[in-house]
């Protein structure tokens, strides 16, 4: 089932007035949140290793994405544990989130936890006002992991492009990877983290502050899931 655009161009840029106003990320690890989720990135000793898993030639193209919309649902072949709940399907939002229920996530990013009854149950890999082309996104299910790949996406109003991957594993691990970030890309006005279905519970990695860079791998998940997985 595909969803029509639900954003409004009149809102464009309103979240950008807060760009760079969040707290700087000064360590490569953090948490736990109220559920116990933690994060660690490849800049931190003992963090995950960046390993781009290219599926552009083998994955399923996600059509219908553009500006301010979402599409799905798509199946997950394994039972993915997320904040104590089992997820078997997902939606892809053009504004930089992977969602586990039928909802639109607005272009105006907020911190996590959102404390919102209408904005929850998602992974924010680069929650901002993004634009994606008809062939920007692929996904592929390998039975023990699901790879969602974004190539040549951009911020609304910019021409600079970047790539990212969200990989979820059957043991609950989440790996997000960033690469090929064009110089001048606005990396200071987004939210990165995990938001549970409970409005007050979520893991914040970065909010409206420069964080991502080429070759960055970010693990998020419960402490026991481990980030070194095949």
Protein backbone atom coordinates (compact mmCIF):
# COMPACT_ATOMS: atom_id res chain seq x y z
CA UNK A 1 0.00 0.00 0.00
CA UNK A 2 1.49 3.33 -1.05
CA UNK A 3 0.73 6.64 0.62
CA UNK A 4 0.25 9.95 -1.17
CA UNK A 5 2.31 13.00 -0.15
CA UNK A 6 1.11 14.42 3.14
CA UNK A 7 3.54 17.29 3.76
CA UNK A 8 3.03 20.96 3.07
CA UNK A 9 5.45 23.17 1.17
CA UNK A 10 4.33 26.03 3.40
CA UNK A 11 6.17 24.32 6.24
CA UNK A 12 9.44 24.00 4.35
CA UNK A 13 12.43 25.29 6.24
CA UNK A 14 10.67 25.83 9.55
CA UNK A 15 12.72 23.13 11.25
CA UNK A 16 15.91 24.52 9.72
CA UNK A 17 15.84 27.63 11.89
CA UNK A 18 17.03 25.36 14.71
CA UNK A 19 19.95 23.88 12.75
CA UNK A 20 23.03 23.38 14.87
CA UNK A 21 21.29 24.36 18.08
CA UNK A 22 21.38 20.93 19.70
CA UNK A 23 24.05 19.71 22.08
CA UNK A 24 27.25 18.62 20.30
CA UNK A 25 28.02 14.90 20.23
CA UNK A 26 31.36 14.69 22.05
CA UNK A 27 31.53 10.94 22.62
CA UNK A 28 31.09 7.96 20.30
CA UNK A 29 28.77 6.09 22.66
CA UNK A 30 25.76 6.77 24.86
CA UNK A 31 22.69 5.53 26.66
CA UNK A 32 21.05 3.61 28.12
CA UNK A 33 17.59 5.02 27.58
CA UNK A 34 14.65 4.14 29.81
CA UNK A 35 14.32 0.72 28.16
CA UNK A 36 18.03 -0.03 28.16
CA UNK A 37 18.99 0.73 24.56
CA UNK A 38 22.53 1.99 24.00
CA UNK A 39 24.55 3.27 21.06
CA UNK A 40 28.17 3.22 19.95
CA UNK A 41 29.76 4.28 16.66
CA UNK A 42 32.86 3.44 14.64
CA UNK A 43 34.70 6.50 15.98
CA UNK A 44 34.69 4.92 19.44
CA UNK A 45 37.18 2.24 20.49
CA UNK A 46 35.40 -1.09 20.34
CA UNK A 47 32.65 0.28 18.11
CA UNK A 48 31.20 -1.31 14.97
CA UNK A 49 33.23 -1.53 11.77
CA UNK A 50 31.99 0.35 8.71
CA UNK A 51 31.11 -2.24 6.07
CA UNK A 52 28.87 -1.01 3.27
CA UNK A 53 26.60 -3.84 2.05
CA UNK A 54 25.71 -2.71 -1.47
CA UNK A 55 22.31 -4.03 -2.61
CA UNK A 56 21.77 -1.65 -5.53
CA UNK A 57 21.99 -4.53 -8.00
CA UNK A 58 20.10 -7.16 -6.02
CA UNK A 59 17.58 -5.38 -3.79
CA UNK A 60 13.96 -4.45 -4.44
CA UNK A 61 13.41 -0.89 -5.60
CA UNK A 62 11.11 1.09 -3.30
CA UNK A 63 8.95 3.13 -5.65
CA UNK A 64 6.63 5.98 -4.82
CA UNK A 65 8.95 7.98 -2.57
CA UNK A 66 9.53 11.66 -3.24
CA UNK A 67 9.10 14.62 -0.92
CA UNK A 68 7.04 14.40 2.30
CA UNK A 69 5.45 10.98 1.94
CA UNK A 70 5.82 7.38 3.06
CA UNK A 71 5.29 3.98 1.47
CA UNK A 72 4.63 0.44 2.64
CA UNK A 73 4.13 -1.85 4.36
CA UNK A 74 6.99 -4.16 3.40
CA UNK A 75 7.52 -7.57 5.06
CA UNK A 76 10.27 -8.60 7.46
CA UNK A 77 10.88 -12.35 7.14
CA UNK A 78 12.11 -12.67 10.74
CA UNK A 79 10.62 -11.47 14.00
CA UNK A 80 12.53 -8.25 14.67
CA UNK A 81 12.54 -7.33 18.38
CA UNK A 82 12.20 -3.58 18.95
CA UNK A 83 11.69 -2.24 22.46
CA UNK A 84 10.08 -5.45 23.66
CA UNK A 85 7.72 -5.73 20.70
CA UNK A 86 7.95 -7.98 17.64
CA UNK A 87 8.00 -6.23 14.27
CA UNK A 88 7.20 -8.11 11.06
CA UNK A 89 6.67 -5.21 8.64
CA UNK A 90 7.97 -1.70 8.05
CA UNK A 91 7.22 1.53 6.20
CA UNK A 92 9.76 3.90 4.63
CA UNK A 93 9.35 7.62 5.16
CA UNK A 94 10.94 10.18 2.84
CA UNK A 95 11.93 12.27 5.88
CA UNK A 96 14.66 9.92 7.06
CA UNK A 97 12.89 7.34 9.21
CA UNK A 98 12.05 3.63 9.07
CA UNK A 99 8.64 3.16 10.70
CA UNK A 100 7.05 0.12 12.31
CA UNK A 101 3.44 1.26 12.11
CA UNK A 102 1.24 2.95 9.53
CA UNK A 103 2.03 6.63 10.16
CA UNK A 104 3.62 9.63 8.51
CA UNK A 105 6.61 11.16 10.28
CA UNK A 106 6.60 14.90 9.70
CA UNK A 107 9.45 16.81 8.07
CA UNK A 108 9.86 18.88 11.26
CA UNK A 109 12.26 16.80 13.36
CA UNK A 110 12.26 16.84 17.14
CA UNK A 111 14.43 15.34 19.83
CA UNK A 112 13.98 11.77 21.00
CA UNK A 113 12.04 10.68 22.96
CA UNK A 114 9.33 12.59 21.11
CA UNK A 115 6.79 12.36 23.96
CA UNK A 116 4.21 12.24 21.17
CA UNK A 117 1.29 9.84 20.80
CA UNK A 118 1.38 10.31 17.02
CA UNK A 119 5.17 10.28 16.36
CA UNK A 120 6.59 7.03 17.68
CA UNK A 121 7.74 3.51 16.81
CA UNK A 122 10.53 4.31 14.32
CA UNK A 123 14.25 4.43 13.64
CA UNK A 124 15.48 7.94 12.83
CA UNK A 125 18.56 7.52 10.65
CA UNK A 126 18.50 11.16 9.40
CA UNK A 127 15.15 12.65 10.39
CA UNK A 128 14.91 15.88 8.41
CA UNK A 129 13.17 17.29 5.34
CA UNK A 130 14.65 14.99 2.70
CA UNK A 131 13.90 14.38 -0.97
CA UNK A 132 14.28 10.99 -2.65
CA UNK A 133 14.08 10.04 -6.31
CA UNK A 134 12.10 7.13 -7.72
CA UNK A 135 15.16 4.85 -7.56
CA UNK A 136 16.87 6.19 -4.42
CA UNK A 137 15.88 3.35 -2.09
CA UNK A 138 16.29 -0.44 -2.20
CA UNK A 139 15.71 -3.11 0.41
CA UNK A 140 16.77 -6.75 0.66
CA UNK A 141 15.90 -9.37 3.25
CA UNK A 142 18.63 -11.98 3.92
CA UNK A 143 16.67 -14.02 6.46
CA UNK A 144 18.72 -12.91 9.46
CA UNK A 145 19.04 -9.25 8.52
CA UNK A 146 17.24 -6.66 6.42
CA UNK A 147 19.17 -3.97 4.53
CA UNK A 148 17.51 -0.69 3.51
CA UNK A 149 19.78 1.37 1.27
CA UNK A 150 19.44 5.03 0.38
CA UNK A 151 21.55 6.42 -2.49
CA UNK A 152 21.70 10.03 -3.69
CA UNK A 153 19.21 11.48 -1.24
CA UNK A 154 19.29 15.17 -0.42
CA UNK A 155 17.95 17.80 1.92
CA UNK A 156 15.03 19.83 0.56
CA UNK A 157 16.40 22.94 -1.15
CA UNK A 158 19.89 21.48 -1.58
CA UNK A 159 21.62 19.79 -4.50
CA UNK A 160 24.27 17.99 -2.42
CA UNK A 161 23.74 14.23 -2.14
CA UNK A 162 24.58 11.51 0.37
CA UNK A 163 24.11 7.77 0.93
CA UNK A 164 23.02 5.77 3.96
CA UNK A 165 22.02 2.28 5.03
CA UNK A 166 19.79 0.99 7.82
CA UNK A 167 20.39 -2.67 8.68
CA UNK A 168 18.21 -4.47 11.22
CA UNK A 169 19.13 -7.90 12.56
CA UNK A 170 17.09 -10.77 13.97
CA UNK A 171 18.78 -10.35 17.36
CA UNK A 172 17.59 -6.72 17.69
CA UNK A 173 20.77 -4.99 16.54
CA UNK A 174 20.44 -1.87 14.39
CA UNK A 175 23.34 -0.67 12.25
CA UNK A 176 23.19 2.65 10.39
CA UNK A 177 25.95 3.59 7.92
CA UNK A 178 26.71 6.87 6.15
CA UNK A 179 28.85 7.44 3.06
CA UNK A 180 29.51 9.70 0.06
CA UNK A 181 28.36 12.86 1.82
CA UNK A 182 28.86 15.77 -0.57
CA UNK A 183 30.67 18.82 0.76
CA UNK A 184 28.15 21.43 1.83
CA UNK A 185 25.45 18.93 2.82
CA UNK A 186 23.40 20.23 5.74
CA UNK A 187 24.22 17.70 8.47
CA UNK A 188 23.31 19.95 11.40
CA UNK A 189 19.51 19.96 11.35
CA UNK A 190 18.47 16.33 11.80
CA UNK A 191 17.62 13.79 14.48
CA UNK A 192 19.30 10.40 14.84
CA UNK A 193 18.12 7.73 17.27
CA UNK A 194 15.42 5.17 18.08
CA UNK A 195 11.88 5.96 19.23
CA UNK A 196 9.80 3.21 20.83
CA UNK A 197 6.02 2.94 20.61
CA UNK A 198 5.94 4.43 24.11
CA UNK A 199 6.12 8.22 23.62
CA UNK A 200 8.42 8.82 26.60
CA UNK A 201 10.94 6.09 25.73
CA UNK A 202 13.63 6.50 23.09
CA UNK A 203 17.37 6.66 22.45
CA UNK A 204 18.81 9.98 21.30
CA UNK A 205 22.14 9.94 19.43
CA UNK A 206 22.16 13.39 17.83
CA UNK A 207 19.69 16.27 17.56
CA UNK A 208 20.22 19.39 15.42
CA UNK A 209 23.99 19.16 15.61
CA UNK A 210 26.67 18.02 13.12
CA UNK A 211 27.38 14.33 13.67
CA UNK A 212 27.51 12.15 10.54
CA UNK A 213 30.50 11.84 8.22
CA UNK A 214 31.76 9.57 5.44
CA UNK A 215 32.47 6.04 6.60
CA UNK A 216 30.53 6.29 9.86
CA UNK A 217 28.85 3.17 11.28
CA UNK A 218 26.41 3.52 14.18
CA UNK A 219 25.10 0.67 16.33
CA UNK A 220 21.87 1.06 18.33
CA UNK A 221 20.02 -1.57 20.32
CA UNK A 222 19.71 -3.45 23.59
CA UNK A 223 23.07 -4.16 25.28
CA UNK A 224 22.78 -7.93 24.87
CA UNK A 225 22.21 -7.88 21.10
CA UNK A 226 25.83 -7.03 20.18
CA UNK A 227 26.80 -5.15 17.05
CA UNK A 228 29.23 -7.64 15.56
CA UNK A 229 26.87 -9.82 13.54
CA UNK A 230 26.93 -11.46 10.13
